[in-house]
């Protein structure tokens, strides 16, 4: 008897669909283990689980696996391992998880993922997004006092680019502090937030502190960031639509239930 597949199962109880764990089936019996039946649907379910994990096995190998698992299940019961509160909790959670996954699989099969539905979701997400791109310069300094002194120089008419070349400790200093175009995700949050508050042509009135030091930021320009084409992000939109629908479904279950936390 081949038992090599057993080592590939992370948890025996998770890998088996033996008749002792799935009572009431009308599926034909294909083997018995100490009087306990293993059925054709058990083998089919186990085969599907192997395939889902990227493993291959013929019918005989799958049946041998089920026999080994049933023998171990019986021995565990004989030793009373099924009586512990922890095992009862694990079995309860596993059963709930399997049923929940089945429910969600059935639900997601009803979700409309046609191109029309995906385009509608795409347009909805685009309407919600308000991503801006900024073109800015900065002067990076280690000392806040020095940063305030340079702001005073700028207030007095000093050229920002020349000040960046002279004082900035950042790599963009030699280019007059020019950072080019970037969106908020490209910079640390404190920097992006400060840049977003500036008017075009203005610089920060106070040093902006980040993990890199103290920045003086000048906003040269800004624009709305164009969304990626639908075809480019179609699969991401599909995933987002599925997740949103599942979340709405689960939220509805919560809303309709009486839940009391103790």
C-alpha atoms as a PDB file:
ATOM      1  CA  UNK A   1       0.000   0.000   0.000  1.00  0.00           C
ATOM      2  CA  UNK A   2       1.356   3.431  -0.938  1.00  0.00           C
ATOM      3  CA  UNK A   3       1.393   5.979   1.844  1.00  0.00           C
ATOM      4  CA  UNK A   4       3.748   8.588   0.398  1.00  0.00           C
ATOM      5  CA  UNK A   5       1.059  11.236  -0.090  1.00  0.00           C
ATOM      6  CA  UNK A   6       0.323  11.398   3.613  1.00  0.00           C
ATOM      7  CA  UNK A   7       3.438  13.463   4.244  1.00  0.00           C
ATOM      8  CA  UNK A   8       2.157  16.127   1.879  1.00  0.00           C
ATOM      9  CA  UNK A   9      -0.899  16.898   4.038  1.00  0.00           C
ATOM     10  CA  UNK A  10      -0.241  19.636   6.559  1.00  0.00           C
ATOM     11  CA  UNK A  11      -3.039  18.394   8.818  1.00  0.00           C
ATOM     12  CA  UNK A  12      -4.602  14.966   8.388  1.00  0.00           C
ATOM     13  CA  UNK A  13      -8.074  16.085   9.408  1.00  0.00           C
ATOM     14  CA  UNK A  14      -7.968  18.898   6.893  1.00  0.00           C
ATOM     15  CA  UNK A  15      -6.916  16.578   4.087  1.00  0.00           C
ATOM     16  CA  UNK A  16      -9.520  13.890   4.598  1.00  0.00           C
ATOM     17  CA  UNK A  17     -13.140  13.715   3.587  1.00  0.00           C
ATOM     18  CA  UNK A  18     -13.580  10.215   5.026  1.00  0.00           C
ATOM     19  CA  UNK A  19     -17.053   8.818   5.629  1.00  0.00           C
ATOM     20  CA  UNK A  20     -16.692   9.063   9.379  1.00  0.00           C
ATOM     21  CA  UNK A  21     -16.431  12.817   8.973  1.00  0.00           C
ATOM     22  CA  UNK A  22     -19.107  13.073   6.288  1.00  0.00           C
ATOM     23  CA  UNK A  23     -21.978  10.896   7.430  1.00  0.00           C
ATOM     24  CA  UNK A  24     -25.201  10.486   5.491  1.00  0.00           C
ATOM     25  CA  UNK A  25     -23.738  10.312   1.975  1.00  0.00           C
ATOM     26  CA  UNK A  26     -25.447   8.088  -0.607  1.00  0.00           C
ATOM     27  CA  UNK A  27     -22.228   7.753  -2.587  1.00  0.00           C
ATOM     28  CA  UNK A  28     -21.113   4.161  -3.363  1.00  0.00           C
ATOM     29  CA  UNK A  29     -18.717   2.570  -0.884  1.00  0.00           C
ATOM     30  CA  UNK A  30     -15.282   1.902  -2.393  1.00  0.00           C
ATOM     31  CA  UNK A  31     -13.538   0.579   0.736  1.00  0.00           C
ATOM     32  CA  UNK A  32     -14.158  -0.118   4.414  1.00  0.00           C
ATOM     33  CA  UNK A  33     -11.751   0.356   7.306  1.00  0.00           C
ATOM     34  CA  UNK A  34     -12.729  -1.614  10.405  1.00  0.00           C
ATOM     35  CA  UNK A  35     -16.316  -1.370   9.227  1.00  0.00           C
ATOM     36  CA  UNK A  36     -16.222   2.375   8.410  1.00  0.00           C
ATOM     37  CA  UNK A  37     -17.064   3.132   4.787  1.00  0.00           C
ATOM     38  CA  UNK A  38     -14.985   5.257   2.418  1.00  0.00           C
ATOM     39  CA  UNK A  39     -17.085   6.420  -0.505  1.00  0.00           C
ATOM     40  CA  UNK A  40     -16.566   7.550  -4.063  1.00  0.00           C
ATOM     41  CA  UNK A  41     -17.393  11.130  -3.152  1.00  0.00           C
ATOM     42  CA  UNK A  42     -14.743  11.002  -0.428  1.00  0.00           C
ATOM     43  CA  UNK A  43     -12.159  10.049  -3.051  1.00  0.00           C
ATOM     44  CA  UNK A  44     -13.409  12.714  -5.442  1.00  0.00           C
ATOM     45  CA  UNK A  45     -13.212  15.402  -2.768  1.00  0.00           C
ATOM     46  CA  UNK A  46      -9.746  14.327  -1.706  1.00  0.00           C
ATOM     47  CA  UNK A  47      -8.573  14.349  -5.324  1.00  0.00           C
ATOM     48  CA  UNK A  48      -9.840  17.914  -5.703  1.00  0.00           C
ATOM     49  CA  UNK A  49      -7.901  18.928  -2.611  1.00  0.00           C
ATOM     50  CA  UNK A  50      -4.700  17.434  -4.016  1.00  0.00           C
ATOM     51  CA  UNK A  51      -5.246  19.277  -7.315  1.00  0.00           C
ATOM     52  CA  UNK A  52      -5.889  22.547  -5.471  1.00  0.00           C
ATOM     53  CA  UNK A  53      -2.470  22.133  -3.811  1.00  0.00           C
ATOM     54  CA  UNK A  54      -0.810  21.420  -7.145  1.00  0.00           C
ATOM     55  CA  UNK A  55      -0.322  17.703  -6.375  1.00  0.00           C
ATOM     56  CA  UNK A  56      -1.111  14.771  -8.626  1.00  0.00           C
ATOM     57  CA  UNK A  57      -2.423  11.349  -7.593  1.00  0.00           C
ATOM     58  CA  UNK A  58      -4.307   8.536  -9.263  1.00  0.00           C
ATOM     59  CA  UNK A  59      -7.447   6.963  -7.766  1.00  0.00           C
ATOM     60  CA  UNK A  60      -5.520   4.180  -6.044  1.00  0.00           C
ATOM     61  CA  UNK A  61      -3.110   6.621  -4.378  1.00  0.00           C
ATOM     62  CA  UNK A  62      -5.979   8.802  -3.207  1.00  0.00           C
ATOM     63  CA  UNK A  63      -7.813   5.806  -1.767  1.00  0.00           C
ATOM     64  CA  UNK A  64      -4.674   4.652   0.037  1.00  0.00           C
ATOM     65  CA  UNK A  65      -4.371   8.128   1.501  1.00  0.00           C
ATOM     66  CA  UNK A  66      -7.960   8.033   2.729  1.00  0.00           C
ATOM     67  CA  UNK A  67      -7.445   4.603   4.283  1.00  0.00           C
ATOM     68  CA  UNK A  68      -4.368   5.828   6.164  1.00  0.00           C
ATOM     69  CA  UNK A  69      -6.221   8.884   7.375  1.00  0.00           C
ATOM     70  CA  UNK A  70      -9.227   6.828   8.479  1.00  0.00           C
ATOM     71  CA  UNK A  71      -6.960   4.443  10.398  1.00  0.00           C
ATOM     72  CA  UNK A  72      -5.336   7.365  12.186  1.00  0.00           C
ATOM     73  CA  UNK A  73      -8.738   8.949  12.865  1.00  0.00           C
ATOM     74  CA  UNK A  74      -9.936   5.723  14.452  1.00  0.00           C
ATOM     75  CA  UNK A  75      -6.780   5.420  16.548  1.00  0.00           C
ATOM     76  CA  UNK A  76      -7.129   9.063  17.697  1.00  0.00           C
ATOM     77  CA  UNK A  77     -10.717   8.372  18.775  1.00  0.00           C
ATOM     78  CA  UNK A  78      -9.612   5.147  20.522  1.00  0.00           C
ATOM     79  CA  UNK A  79      -7.069   7.180  22.507  1.00  0.00           C
ATOM     80  CA  UNK A  80      -9.720   9.742  23.412  1.00  0.00           C
ATOM     81  CA  UNK A  81      -8.016  12.580  21.564  1.00  0.00           C
ATOM     82  CA  UNK A  82     -11.370  13.722  20.178  1.00  0.00           C
ATOM     83  CA  UNK A  83     -12.615  14.463  23.702  1.00  0.00           C
ATOM     84  CA  UNK A  84     -10.320  17.393  24.476  1.00  0.00           C
ATOM     85  CA  UNK A  85     -11.863  20.895  24.432  1.00  0.00           C
ATOM     86  CA  UNK A  86      -9.111  22.100  22.109  1.00  0.00           C
ATOM     87  CA  UNK A  87      -9.858  19.379  19.555  1.00  0.00           C
ATOM     88  CA  UNK A  88     -13.576  20.119  19.774  1.00  0.00           C
ATOM     89  CA  UNK A  89     -12.849  23.800  19.114  1.00  0.00           C
ATOM     90  CA  UNK A  90     -10.570  22.974  16.176  1.00  0.00           C
ATOM     91  CA  UNK A  91     -13.188  20.699  14.636  1.00  0.00           C
ATOM     92  CA  UNK A  92     -15.866  23.365  15.132  1.00  0.00           C
ATOM     93  CA  UNK A  93     -13.725  26.008  13.432  1.00  0.00           C
ATOM     94  CA  UNK A  94     -12.720  23.672  10.572  1.00  0.00           C
ATOM     95  CA  UNK A  95     -16.334  22.749   9.918  1.00  0.00           C
ATOM     96  CA  UNK A  96     -17.344  26.418   9.999  1.00  0.00           C
ATOM     97  CA  UNK A  97     -14.506  27.351   7.645  1.00  0.00           C
ATOM     98  CA  UNK A  98     -15.375  24.641   5.115  1.00  0.00           C
ATOM     99  CA  UNK A  99     -19.043  25.627   5.136  1.00  0.00           C
ATOM    100  CA  UNK A 100     -18.160  29.326   4.911  1.00  0.00           C
ATOM    101  CA  UNK A 101     -15.864  28.710   1.944  1.00  0.00           C
ATOM    102  CA  UNK A 102     -18.584  26.697   0.228  1.00  0.00           C
ATOM    103  CA  UNK A 103     -21.086  29.485   0.858  1.00  0.00           C
ATOM    104  CA  UNK A 104     -18.745  32.131  -0.553  1.00  0.00           C
ATOM    105  CA  UNK A 105     -17.886  29.983  -3.569  1.00  0.00           C
ATOM    106  CA  UNK A 106     -21.591  29.667  -4.315  1.00  0.00           C
ATOM    107  CA  UNK A 107     -22.098  33.405  -3.794  1.00  0.00           C
ATOM    108  CA  UNK A 108     -19.161  34.526  -5.939  1.00  0.00           C
ATOM    109  CA  UNK A 109     -20.364  32.326  -8.789  1.00  0.00           C
ATOM    110  CA  UNK A 110     -23.411  34.615  -9.015  1.00  0.00           C
ATOM    111  CA  UNK A 111     -21.430  37.869  -9.236  1.00  0.00           C
ATOM    112  CA  UNK A 112     -21.642  39.604 -12.600  1.00  0.00           C
ATOM    113  CA  UNK A 113     -18.074  39.973 -13.912  1.00  0.00           C
ATOM    114  CA  UNK A 114     -18.951  40.795 -17.497  1.00  0.00           C
ATOM    115  CA  UNK A 115     -16.988  43.550 -19.219  1.00  0.00           C
ATOM    116  CA  UNK A 116     -19.941  45.871 -18.679  1.00  0.00           C
ATOM    117  CA  UNK A 117     -19.927  45.229 -14.928  1.00  0.00           C
ATOM    118  CA  UNK A 118     -16.148  45.576 -14.720  1.00  0.00           C
ATOM    119  CA  UNK A 119     -16.191  48.840 -16.685  1.00  0.00           C
ATOM    120  CA  UNK A 120     -18.882  50.194 -14.364  1.00  0.00           C
ATOM    121  CA  UNK A 121     -16.731  49.319 -11.338  1.00  0.00           C
ATOM    122  CA  UNK A 122     -13.700  50.865 -13.039  1.00  0.00           C
ATOM    123  CA  UNK A 123     -15.555  54.127 -13.655  1.00  0.00           C
ATOM    124  CA  UNK A 124     -16.780  54.117 -10.058  1.00  0.00           C
ATOM    125  CA  UNK A 125     -13.258  53.710  -8.698  1.00  0.00           C
ATOM    126  CA  UNK A 126     -11.946  56.410 -11.023  1.00  0.00           C
ATOM    127  CA  UNK A 127     -14.647  58.788  -9.782  1.00  0.00           C
ATOM    128  CA  UNK A 128     -13.592  58.130  -6.186  1.00  0.00           C
ATOM    129  CA  UNK A 129      -9.914  58.654  -6.813  1.00  0.00           C
ATOM    130  CA  UNK A 130      -8.501  62.130  -6.605  1.00  0.00           C
ATOM    131  CA  UNK A 131      -4.831  61.401  -7.042  1.00  0.00           C
ATOM    132  CA  UNK A 132      -2.695  64.412  -7.796  1.00  0.00           C
ATOM    133  CA  UNK A 133       0.842  64.623  -9.075  1.00  0.00           C
ATOM    134  CA  UNK A 134       3.200  67.317  -7.903  1.00  0.00           C
ATOM    135  CA  UNK A 135       6.266  68.941  -9.392  1.00  0.00           C
ATOM    136  CA  UNK A 136       8.388  70.304  -6.605  1.00  0.00           C
ATOM    137  CA  UNK A 137      11.811  71.259  -5.355  1.00  0.00           C
ATOM    138  CA  UNK A 138      13.148  70.916  -1.849  1.00  0.00           C
ATOM    139  CA  UNK A 139      16.047  71.866   0.319  1.00  0.00           C
ATOM    140  CA  UNK A 140      16.975  69.142   2.799  1.00  0.00           C
ATOM    141  CA  UNK A 141      18.785  70.018   6.011  1.00  0.00           C
ATOM    142  CA  UNK A 142      19.749  68.209   9.184  1.00  0.00           C
ATOM    143  CA  UNK A 143      19.152  71.178  11.474  1.00  0.00           C
ATOM    144  CA  UNK A 144      15.786  72.927  11.975  1.00  0.00           C
ATOM    145  CA  UNK A 145      17.419  76.197  12.980  1.00  0.00           C
ATOM    146  CA  UNK A 146      19.414  76.280   9.745  1.00  0.00           C
ATOM    147  CA  UNK A 147      16.254  75.516   7.780  1.00  0.00           C
ATOM    148  CA  UNK A 148      14.507  78.501   9.375  1.00  0.00           C
ATOM    149  CA  UNK A 149      17.478  80.728   8.494  1.00  0.00           C
ATOM    150  CA  UNK A 150      17.249  79.665   4.836  1.00  0.00           C
ATOM    151  CA  UNK A 151      13.492  80.329   4.794  1.00  0.00           C
ATOM    152  CA  UNK A 152      14.322  83.835   6.017  1.00  0.00           C
ATOM    153  CA  UNK A 153      16.765  84.173   3.099  1.00  0.00           C
ATOM    154  CA  UNK A 154      14.060  83.066   0.675  1.00  0.00           C
ATOM    155  CA  UNK A 155      11.660  85.559   2.225  1.00  0.00           C
ATOM    156  CA  UNK A 156      14.304  88.152   1.528  1.00  0.00           C
ATOM    157  CA  UNK A 157      14.356  87.320  -2.164  1.00  0.00           C
ATOM    158  CA  UNK A 158      16.933  84.530  -2.455  1.00  0.00           C
ATOM    159  CA  UNK A 159      16.469  82.157  -5.401  1.00  0.00           C
ATOM    160  CA  UNK A 160      15.161  78.748  -4.291  1.00  0.00           C
ATOM    161  CA  UNK A 161      17.148  76.691  -6.803  1.00  0.00           C
ATOM    162  CA  UNK A 162      20.380  78.473  -5.950  1.00  0.00           C
ATOM    163  CA  UNK A 163      19.717  78.002  -2.230  1.00  0.00           C
ATOM    164  CA  UNK A 164      19.160  74.295  -2.827  1.00  0.00           C
ATOM    165  CA  UNK A 165      22.470  74.001  -4.673  1.00  0.00           C
ATOM    166  CA  UNK A 166      24.217  75.810  -1.854  1.00  0.00           C
ATOM    167  CA  UNK A 167      22.639  74.285   1.233  1.00  0.00           C
ATOM    168  CA  UNK A 168      20.725  71.057   0.518  1.00  0.00           C
ATOM    169  CA  UNK A 169      22.212  67.816   1.819  1.00  0.00           C
ATOM    170  CA  UNK A 170      19.963  65.716  -0.451  1.00  0.00           C
ATOM    171  CA  UNK A 171      21.052  64.243  -3.812  1.00  0.00           C
ATOM    172  CA  UNK A 172      18.742  66.628  -5.695  1.00  0.00           C
ATOM    173  CA  UNK A 173      20.615  69.633  -4.336  1.00  0.00           C
ATOM    174  CA  UNK A 174      22.986  69.877  -7.300  1.00  0.00           C
ATOM    175  CA  UNK A 175      19.931  70.115  -9.570  1.00  0.00           C
ATOM    176  CA  UNK A 176      18.447  72.978  -7.617  1.00  0.00           C
ATOM    177  CA  UNK A 177      16.414  70.595  -5.472  1.00  0.00           C
ATOM    178  CA  UNK A 178      14.302  69.493  -8.444  1.00  0.00           C
ATOM    179  CA  UNK A 179      12.324  66.336  -7.658  1.00  0.00           C
ATOM    180  CA  UNK A 180      10.402  66.186 -10.945  1.00  0.00           C
ATOM    181  CA  UNK A 181       6.847  64.866 -10.984  1.00  0.00           C
ATOM    182  CA  UNK A 182       5.645  62.507  -8.239  1.00  0.00           C
ATOM    183  CA  UNK A 183       2.395  61.414  -6.619  1.00  0.00           C
ATOM    184  CA  UNK A 184       1.671  61.292  -2.915  1.00  0.00           C
ATOM    185  CA  UNK A 185       2.527  57.598  -2.642  1.00  0.00           C
ATOM    186  CA  UNK A 186       6.084  58.241  -3.821  1.00  0.00           C
ATOM    187  CA  UNK A 187       7.041  60.382  -0.822  1.00  0.00           C
ATOM    188  CA  UNK A 188       6.862  59.987   2.930  1.00  0.00           C
ATOM    189  CA  UNK A 189       3.445  61.107   4.241  1.00  0.00           C
ATOM    190  CA  UNK A 190       4.667  64.295   5.934  1.00  0.00           C
ATOM    191  CA  UNK A 191       6.312  65.508   2.734  1.00  0.00           C
ATOM    192  CA  UNK A 192       3.336  64.707   0.514  1.00  0.00           C
ATOM    193  CA  UNK A 193       0.876  66.334   2.917  1.00  0.00           C
ATOM    194  CA  UNK A 194       2.926  69.524   3.051  1.00  0.00           C
ATOM    195  CA  UNK A 195       3.298  69.665  -0.745  1.00  0.00           C
ATOM    196  CA  UNK A 196      -0.450  69.198  -1.211  1.00  0.00           C
ATOM    197  CA  UNK A 197      -1.178  72.251   0.954  1.00  0.00           C
ATOM    198  CA  UNK A 198       1.076  74.598  -1.011  1.00  0.00           C
ATOM    199  CA  UNK A 199      -0.043  76.920  -3.786  1.00  0.00           C
ATOM    200  CA  UNK A 200       1.849  76.638  -7.049  1.00  0.00           C
ATOM    201  CA  UNK A 201       4.912  78.883  -6.883  1.00  0.00           C
ATOM    202  CA  UNK A 202       4.958  79.005  -3.086  1.00  0.00           C
ATOM    203  CA  UNK A 203       7.349  77.383  -0.628  1.00  0.00           C
ATOM    204  CA  UNK A 204       6.759  76.071   2.889  1.00  0.00           C
ATOM    205  CA  UNK A 205       6.679  78.795   5.518  1.00  0.00           C
ATOM    206  CA  UNK A 206       8.117  76.430   8.150  1.00  0.00           C
ATOM    207  CA  UNK A 207      10.463  73.451   7.930  1.00  0.00           C
ATOM    208  CA  UNK A 208       8.765  70.116   7.255  1.00  0.00           C
ATOM    209  CA  UNK A 209      10.163  67.361   9.456  1.00  0.00           C
ATOM    210  CA  UNK A 210      10.449  63.794   8.114  1.00  0.00           C
ATOM    211  CA  UNK A 211      12.638  60.808   8.926  1.00  0.00           C
ATOM    212  CA  UNK A 212      15.255  62.249   6.539  1.00  0.00           C
ATOM    213  CA  UNK A 213      15.577  65.653   8.187  1.00  0.00           C
ATOM    214  CA  UNK A 214      14.010  69.086   7.678  1.00  0.00           C
ATOM    215  CA  UNK A 215      12.668  70.087   4.280  1.00  0.00           C
ATOM    216  CA  UNK A 216      11.844  73.394   2.677  1.00  0.00           C
ATOM    217  CA  UNK A 217       9.468  72.560  -0.176  1.00  0.00           C
ATOM    218  CA  UNK A 218       8.581  74.677  -3.184  1.00  0.00           C
ATOM    219  CA  UNK A 219       5.644  73.592  -5.331  1.00  0.00           C
ATOM    220  CA  UNK A 220       6.343  74.296  -8.999  1.00  0.00           C
ATOM    221  CA  UNK A 221       3.211  72.717 -10.490  1.00  0.00           C
ATOM    222  CA  UNK A 222       0.490  70.130  -9.904  1.00  0.00           C
ATOM    223  CA  UNK A 223      -1.962  68.144 -12.000  1.00  0.00           C
ATOM    224  CA  UNK A 224      -4.525  65.350 -11.707  1.00  0.00           C
ATOM    225  CA  UNK A 225      -3.018  61.950 -12.297  1.00  0.00           C
ATOM    226  CA  UNK A 226      -4.570  60.181 -15.284  1.00  0.00           C
ATOM    227  CA  UNK A 227      -6.031  56.747 -14.425  1.00  0.00           C
ATOM    228  CA  UNK A 228      -4.542  53.654 -16.011  1.00  0.00           C
ATOM    229  CA  UNK A 229      -6.475  52.341 -19.046  1.00  0.00           C
ATOM    230  CA  UNK A 230      -9.261  49.863 -18.295  1.00  0.00           C
ATOM    231  CA  UNK A 231      -7.625  46.997 -20.190  1.00  0.00           C
ATOM    232  CA  UNK A 232      -4.422  47.455 -18.189  1.00  0.00           C
ATOM    233  CA  UNK A 233      -6.144  47.100 -14.819  1.00  0.00           C
ATOM    234  CA  UNK A 234      -9.069  44.872 -15.823  1.00  0.00           C
ATOM    235  CA  UNK A 235      -7.995  41.912 -13.689  1.00  0.00           C
ATOM    236  CA  UNK A 236      -7.328  44.134 -10.668  1.00  0.00           C
ATOM    237  CA  UNK A 237     -10.798  45.602 -11.115  1.00  0.00           C
ATOM    238  CA  UNK A 238     -12.257  42.098 -11.257  1.00  0.00           C
ATOM    239  CA  UNK A 239     -10.583  41.212  -7.958  1.00  0.00           C
ATOM    240  CA  UNK A 240     -11.707  44.472  -6.377  1.00  0.00           C
ATOM    241  CA  UNK A 241     -15.293  43.925  -7.528  1.00  0.00           C
ATOM    242  CA  UNK A 242     -15.323  40.394  -6.113  1.00  0.00           C
ATOM    243  CA  UNK A 243     -13.868  41.533  -2.780  1.00  0.00           C
ATOM    244  CA  UNK A 244     -16.327  44.406  -2.503  1.00  0.00           C
ATOM    245  CA  UNK A 245     -19.316  42.185  -3.234  1.00  0.00           C
ATOM    246  CA  UNK A 246     -18.167  39.583  -0.705  1.00  0.00           C
ATOM    247  CA  UNK A 247     -17.623  42.297   1.910  1.00  0.00           C
ATOM    248  CA  UNK A 248     -21.134  43.657   1.263  1.00  0.00           C
ATOM    249  CA  UNK A 249     -22.565  40.147   1.563  1.00  0.00           C
ATOM    250  CA  UNK A 250     -20.803  39.476   4.865  1.00  0.00           C
ATOM    251  CA  UNK A 251     -21.798  42.923   6.181  1.00  0.00           C
ATOM    252  CA  UNK A 252     -25.428  42.106   5.352  1.00  0.00           C
ATOM    253  CA  UNK A 253     -25.154  38.858   7.323  1.00  0.00           C
ATOM    254  CA  UNK A 254     -23.828  40.824  10.289  1.00  0.00           C
ATOM    255  CA  UNK A 255     -26.586  43.393  10.006  1.00  0.00           C
ATOM    256  CA  UNK A 256     -29.302  40.742   9.971  1.00  0.00           C
ATOM    257  CA  UNK A 257     -27.908  38.797  12.927  1.00  0.00           C
ATOM    258  CA  UNK A 258     -28.241  39.168  16.700  1.00  0.00           C
ATOM    259  CA  UNK A 259     -24.629  39.348  17.895  1.00  0.00           C
ATOM    260  CA  UNK A 260     -23.631  39.733  21.523  1.00  0.00           C
ATOM    261  CA  UNK A 261     -19.989  39.883  22.552  1.00  0.00           C
ATOM    262  CA  UNK A 262     -19.142  38.891  26.117  1.00  0.00           C
END
